[in-house]
Amino acid sequence: MKWLTLAKMAWSANRSPRGAGAEERLHLAYRNVFNPANHDAQIVLADLADFTGFYRVNGQGIPPDDRAFSDGMRAAFGRLFRFLNLTDEERTALVEAARAETLASSREGNF
């Protein structure tokens, strides 16, 4: 199997991998994979928002290594979130879904 990347697509067309249109293509790819209208995408996005702690804030007294780890987790989800270009309604629904997942995880544990 050959894995498709923006770089391979650009090089095969003799273009720069980060040239005109590359970011738009990446936005489109993220949106296609994580389409908020798709129920599986909704479940996965809510789970990832919960798992990465995207909507949680570290409290006082967190060791520096733990803080760096949780900041990194949130940054990874933040990259995905940035490319989705969610509407206000979709963003609000994701926050509510992530909170529900966080509550379920705190009561019953994580997968």
N, C-alpha and C. Protein backbone atom coordinates (compact mmCIF):
# COMPACT_ATOMS: atom_id res chain seq x y z
N MET A 1 0.85 -1.18 0.00
CA MET A 1 0.00 0.00 0.00
C MET A 1 0.89 1.24 0.00
N LYS A 2 0.55 2.19 -0.82
CA LYS A 2 1.24 3.48 -0.83
C LYS A 2 0.34 4.49 -0.16
N TRP A 3 0.90 5.19 0.83
CA TRP A 3 0.14 6.18 1.59
C TRP A 3 0.20 7.51 0.88
N LEU A 4 -0.95 8.13 0.67
CA LEU A 4 -1.02 9.42 -0.02
C LEU A 4 -0.73 10.55 0.96
N THR A 5 0.09 11.49 0.55
CA THR A 5 0.38 12.68 1.34
C THR A 5 0.30 13.91 0.44
N LEU A 6 0.18 15.06 1.06
CA LEU A 6 0.21 16.30 0.27
C LEU A 6 1.53 16.44 -0.46
N ALA A 7 2.62 16.05 0.20
CA ALA A 7 3.94 16.16 -0.42
C ALA A 7 4.01 15.31 -1.69
N LYS A 8 3.53 14.06 -1.63
CA LYS A 8 3.57 13.20 -2.82
C LYS A 8 2.69 13.75 -3.93
N MET A 9 1.51 14.27 -3.55
CA MET A 9 0.61 14.84 -4.55
C MET A 9 1.27 16.03 -5.25
N ALA A 10 1.93 16.88 -4.48
CA ALA A 10 2.55 18.08 -5.04
C ALA A 10 3.75 17.72 -5.91
N TRP A 11 4.59 16.81 -5.41
CA TRP A 11 5.79 16.46 -6.17
C TRP A 11 5.43 15.80 -7.50
N SER A 12 4.38 14.98 -7.49
CA SER A 12 4.00 14.33 -8.74
C SER A 12 3.47 15.35 -9.76
N ALA A 13 3.02 16.49 -9.29
CA ALA A 13 2.53 17.54 -10.18
C ALA A 13 3.57 18.65 -10.34
N ASN A 14 4.81 18.41 -9.87
CA ASN A 14 5.89 19.40 -9.94
C ASN A 14 5.53 20.72 -9.27
N ARG A 15 4.90 20.61 -8.10
CA ARG A 15 4.55 21.79 -7.31
C ARG A 15 5.19 21.69 -5.94
N SER A 16 5.18 22.79 -5.22
CA SER A 16 5.69 22.83 -3.86
C SER A 16 4.69 22.13 -2.92
N PRO A 17 5.17 21.27 -2.02
CA PRO A 17 4.25 20.59 -1.09
C PRO A 17 3.49 21.53 -0.17
N ARG A 18 4.00 22.72 0.01
CA ARG A 18 3.32 23.69 0.87
C ARG A 18 2.90 24.93 0.08
N GLY A 19 2.76 24.74 -1.23
CA GLY A 19 2.41 25.85 -2.11
C GLY A 19 0.92 26.14 -2.12
N ALA A 20 0.54 26.92 -3.11
CA ALA A 20 -0.86 27.35 -3.25
C ALA A 20 -1.79 26.14 -3.30
N GLY A 21 -2.80 26.19 -2.52
CA GLY A 21 -3.80 25.14 -2.51
C GLY A 21 -3.55 24.01 -1.55
N ALA A 22 -2.32 23.88 -1.06
CA ALA A 22 -2.00 22.74 -0.18
C ALA A 22 -2.76 22.82 1.14
N GLU A 23 -2.81 23.99 1.74
CA GLU A 23 -3.52 24.12 3.02
C GLU A 23 -5.02 23.90 2.83
N GLU A 24 -5.56 24.42 1.75
CA GLU A 24 -6.98 24.22 1.48
C GLU A 24 -7.29 22.74 1.30
N ARG A 25 -6.39 22.03 0.61
CA ARG A 25 -6.57 20.58 0.40
C ARG A 25 -6.52 19.84 1.73
N LEU A 26 -5.63 20.28 2.62
CA LEU A 26 -5.53 19.65 3.94
C LEU A 26 -6.79 19.92 4.76
N HIS A 27 -7.29 21.15 4.71
CA HIS A 27 -8.56 21.48 5.38
C HIS A 27 -9.67 20.56 4.88
N LEU A 28 -9.75 20.40 3.56
CA LEU A 28 -10.78 19.56 2.97
C LEU A 28 -10.64 18.10 3.42
N ALA A 29 -9.41 17.61 3.47
CA ALA A 29 -9.19 16.23 3.90
C ALA A 29 -9.65 16.03 5.35
N TYR A 30 -9.28 16.95 6.23
CA TYR A 30 -9.73 16.86 7.63
C TYR A 30 -11.26 16.90 7.71
N ARG A 31 -11.84 17.80 6.95
CA ARG A 31 -13.31 17.94 6.98
C ARG A 31 -13.99 16.68 6.44
N ASN A 32 -13.41 16.07 5.40
CA ASN A 32 -13.99 14.84 4.86
C ASN A 32 -13.91 13.68 5.86
N VAL A 33 -12.78 13.56 6.53
CA VAL A 33 -12.60 12.48 7.50
C VAL A 33 -13.43 12.71 8.75
N PHE A 34 -13.44 13.94 9.23
CA PHE A 34 -14.13 14.28 10.48
C PHE A 34 -15.38 15.13 10.20
N ASN A 35 -16.15 14.75 9.21
CA ASN A 35 -17.36 15.48 8.84
C ASN A 35 -18.35 15.43 10.00
N PRO A 36 -18.70 16.59 10.58
CA PRO A 36 -19.59 16.62 11.73
C PRO A 36 -20.99 16.06 11.46
N ALA A 37 -21.37 15.92 10.20
CA ALA A 37 -22.67 15.33 9.88
C ALA A 37 -22.64 13.81 10.01
N ASN A 38 -21.44 13.24 10.04
CA ASN A 38 -21.28 11.78 10.16
C ASN A 38 -21.31 11.39 11.63
N HIS A 39 -22.18 10.47 11.99
CA HIS A 39 -22.33 10.08 13.40
C HIS A 39 -21.06 9.45 13.97
N ASP A 40 -20.35 8.65 13.18
CA ASP A 40 -19.09 8.07 13.66
C ASP A 40 -18.05 9.17 13.93
N ALA A 41 -18.00 10.17 13.06
CA ALA A 41 -17.08 11.29 13.27
C ALA A 41 -17.44 12.03 14.55
N GLN A 42 -18.73 12.21 14.82
CA GLN A 42 -19.16 12.87 16.05
C GLN A 42 -18.69 12.11 17.27
N ILE A 43 -18.85 10.79 17.25
CA ILE A 43 -18.43 9.95 18.38
C ILE A 43 -16.92 10.05 18.59
N VAL A 44 -16.16 9.95 17.50
CA VAL A 44 -14.70 9.98 17.59
C VAL A 44 -14.22 11.35 18.05
N LEU A 45 -14.78 12.43 17.52
CA LEU A 45 -14.36 13.77 17.93
C LEU A 45 -14.67 14.02 19.41
N ALA A 46 -15.83 13.60 19.87
CA ALA A 46 -16.17 13.76 21.29
C ALA A 46 -15.21 12.96 22.16
N ASP A 47 -14.89 11.73 21.74
CA ASP A 47 -13.95 10.90 22.49
C ASP A 47 -12.56 11.54 22.52
N LEU A 48 -12.10 12.02 21.37
CA LEU A 48 -10.77 12.65 21.32
C LEU A 48 -10.71 13.93 22.15
N ALA A 49 -11.78 14.72 22.11
CA ALA A 49 -11.81 15.94 22.93
C ALA A 49 -11.73 15.58 24.41
N ASP A 50 -12.45 14.53 24.81
CA ASP A 50 -12.39 14.07 26.20
C ASP A 50 -11.01 13.51 26.52
N PHE A 51 -10.51 12.59 25.69
CA PHE A 51 -9.24 11.91 25.95
C PHE A 51 -8.06 12.89 26.04
N THR A 52 -8.08 13.90 25.17
CA THR A 52 -6.97 14.85 25.16
C THR A 52 -7.13 15.97 26.19
N GLY A 53 -8.30 16.03 26.83
CA GLY A 53 -8.54 17.08 27.81
C GLY A 53 -8.66 18.46 27.19
N PHE A 54 -9.10 18.50 25.94
CA PHE A 54 -9.13 19.76 25.20
C PHE A 54 -9.93 20.84 25.90
N TYR A 55 -10.99 20.47 26.57
CA TYR A 55 -11.84 21.47 27.23
C TYR A 55 -11.60 21.53 28.74
N ARG A 56 -10.52 20.91 29.21
CA ARG A 56 -10.20 20.95 30.64
C ARG A 56 -8.96 21.82 30.87
N VAL A 57 -8.87 22.36 32.06
CA VAL A 57 -7.73 23.20 32.44
C VAL A 57 -6.98 22.49 33.56
N ASN A 58 -5.66 22.51 33.49
CA ASN A 58 -4.86 21.95 34.57
C ASN A 58 -5.01 22.81 35.82
N GLY A 59 -5.10 22.16 36.95
CA GLY A 59 -5.20 22.87 38.22
C GLY A 59 -3.82 23.25 38.75
N GLN A 60 -3.82 23.84 39.91
CA GLN A 60 -2.57 24.22 40.58
C GLN A 60 -1.82 22.97 41.02
N GLY A 61 -0.51 23.07 41.10
CA GLY A 61 0.31 22.01 41.65
C GLY A 61 0.57 20.82 40.74
N ILE A 62 0.30 20.95 39.45
CA ILE A 62 0.57 19.87 38.50
C ILE A 62 2.08 19.86 38.23
N PRO A 63 2.72 18.68 38.35
CA PRO A 63 4.15 18.61 38.03
C PRO A 63 4.42 19.06 36.59
N PRO A 64 5.56 19.70 36.36
CA PRO A 64 5.87 20.23 35.02
C PRO A 64 5.78 19.19 33.90
N ASP A 65 6.25 17.97 34.15
CA ASP A 65 6.18 16.94 33.11
C ASP A 65 4.73 16.58 32.78
N ASP A 66 3.89 16.49 33.80
CA ASP A 66 2.47 16.18 33.58
C ASP A 66 1.78 17.32 32.84
N ARG A 67 2.12 18.55 33.20
CA ARG A 67 1.54 19.71 32.52
C ARG A 67 1.97 19.73 31.05
N ALA A 68 3.24 19.45 30.78
CA ALA A 68 3.73 19.43 29.40
C ALA A 68 3.02 18.34 28.60
N PHE A 69 2.81 17.18 29.21
CA PHE A 69 2.12 16.09 28.52
C PHE A 69 0.68 16.49 28.18
N SER A 70 -0.04 17.03 29.15
CA SER A 70 -1.44 17.40 28.90
C SER A 70 -1.53 18.57 27.91
N ASP A 71 -0.59 19.49 27.97
CA ASP A 71 -0.57 20.57 26.98
C ASP A 71 -0.35 20.02 25.58
N GLY A 72 0.53 19.02 25.46
CA GLY A 72 0.78 18.38 24.17
C GLY A 72 -0.44 17.65 23.64
N MET A 73 -1.16 16.98 24.53
CA MET A 73 -2.39 16.28 24.12
C MET A 73 -3.40 17.30 23.57
N ARG A 74 -3.58 18.38 24.29
CA ARG A 74 -4.54 19.40 23.85
C ARG A 74 -4.08 20.03 22.53
N ALA A 75 -2.79 20.22 22.37
CA ALA A 75 -2.28 20.82 21.13
C ALA A 75 -2.56 19.92 19.93
N ALA A 76 -2.43 18.62 20.11
CA ALA A 76 -2.70 17.68 19.01
C ALA A 76 -4.16 17.77 18.59
N PHE A 77 -5.07 17.79 19.57
CA PHE A 77 -6.48 17.92 19.22
C PHE A 77 -6.76 19.31 18.65
N GLY A 78 -6.05 20.30 19.15
CA GLY A 78 -6.22 21.67 18.65
C GLY A 78 -5.90 21.77 17.17
N ARG A 79 -4.89 21.03 16.71
CA ARG A 79 -4.57 21.03 15.28
C ARG A 79 -5.74 20.47 14.48
N LEU A 80 -6.27 19.36 14.93
CA LEU A 80 -7.41 18.76 14.25
C LEU A 80 -8.59 19.74 14.26
N PHE A 81 -8.85 20.31 15.42
CA PHE A 81 -9.96 21.25 15.61
C PHE A 81 -9.83 22.45 14.67
N ARG A 82 -8.61 22.94 14.52
CA ARG A 82 -8.36 24.12 13.67
C ARG A 82 -8.73 23.85 12.22
N PHE A 83 -8.47 22.64 11.75
CA PHE A 83 -8.75 22.31 10.35
C PHE A 83 -10.22 22.01 10.08
N LEU A 84 -11.01 21.79 11.11
CA LEU A 84 -12.40 21.41 10.89
C LEU A 84 -13.29 22.58 10.49
N ASN A 85 -12.96 23.79 10.90
CA ASN A 85 -13.79 24.97 10.59
C ASN A 85 -15.26 24.73 10.97
N LEU A 86 -15.48 24.35 12.20
CA LEU A 86 -16.84 24.06 12.67
C LEU A 86 -17.67 25.33 12.78
N THR A 87 -18.95 25.19 12.56
CA THR A 87 -19.86 26.30 12.79
C THR A 87 -20.03 26.48 14.30
N ASP A 88 -20.62 27.59 14.71
CA ASP A 88 -20.88 27.80 16.15
C ASP A 88 -21.75 26.68 16.71
N GLU A 89 -22.75 26.28 15.96
CA GLU A 89 -23.65 25.21 16.40
C GLU A 89 -22.89 23.88 16.55
N GLU A 90 -22.04 23.56 15.59
CA GLU A 90 -21.25 22.32 15.66
C GLU A 90 -20.27 22.37 16.83
N ARG A 91 -19.64 23.54 17.03
CA ARG A 91 -18.69 23.71 18.14
C ARG A 91 -19.39 23.50 19.48
N THR A 92 -20.56 24.10 19.65
CA THR A 92 -21.32 23.96 20.89
C THR A 92 -21.72 22.51 21.11
N ALA A 93 -22.16 21.84 20.07
CA ALA A 93 -22.55 20.43 20.17
C ALA A 93 -21.35 19.57 20.55
N LEU A 94 -20.17 19.86 20.00
CA LEU A 94 -18.97 19.11 20.34
C LEU A 94 -18.59 19.31 21.81
N VAL A 95 -18.67 20.53 22.29
CA VAL A 95 -18.37 20.81 23.71
C VAL A 95 -19.30 20.00 24.60
N GLU A 96 -20.59 20.01 24.29
CA GLU A 96 -21.56 19.27 25.10
C GLU A 96 -21.30 17.77 25.05
N ALA A 97 -20.97 17.25 23.87
CA ALA A 97 -20.69 15.83 23.73
C ALA A 97 -19.41 15.45 24.48
N ALA A 98 -18.39 16.29 24.40
CA ALA A 98 -17.13 16.01 25.11
C ALA A 98 -17.36 16.03 26.62
N ARG A 99 -18.17 16.96 27.09
CA ARG A 99 -18.49 17.00 28.53
C ARG A 99 -19.22 15.74 28.97
N ALA A 100 -20.14 15.25 28.15
CA ALA A 100 -20.85 14.01 28.47
C ALA A 100 -19.88 12.84 28.53
N GLU A 101 -18.92 12.80 27.60
CA GLU A 101 -17.91 11.73 27.62
C GLU A 101 -17.02 11.84 28.86
N THR A 102 -16.64 13.05 29.21
CA THR A 102 -15.82 13.25 30.40
C THR A 102 -16.56 12.79 31.65
N LEU A 103 -17.82 13.13 31.75
CA LEU A 103 -18.63 12.71 32.88
C LEU A 103 -18.74 11.19 32.94
N ALA A 104 -19.00 10.56 31.81
CA ALA A 104 -19.09 9.08 31.77
C ALA A 104 -17.76 8.46 32.14
N SER A 105 -16.66 9.03 31.66
CA SER A 105 -15.33 8.49 31.98
C SER A 105 -15.02 8.64 33.46
N SER A 106 -15.43 9.77 34.05
CA SER A 106 -15.14 9.98 35.47
C SER A 106 -15.98 9.04 36.34
N ARG A 107 -17.16 8.67 35.88
CA ARG A 107 -18.02 7.75 36.64
C ARG A 107 -17.67 6.29 36.43
N GLU A 108 -17.35 5.94 35.19
CA GLU A 108 -17.20 4.53 34.83
C GLU A 108 -15.80 4.14 34.40
N GLY A 109 -14.91 5.12 34.24
CA GLY A 109 -13.55 4.84 33.80
C GLY A 109 -13.42 4.97 32.28
N ASN A 110 -12.19 5.01 31.85
CA ASN A 110 -11.89 5.13 30.41
C ASN A 110 -11.84 3.75 29.76
N PHE A 111 -11.93 3.77 28.43
CA PHE A 111 -11.77 2.52 27.67
C PHE A 111 -10.33 2.13 27.66
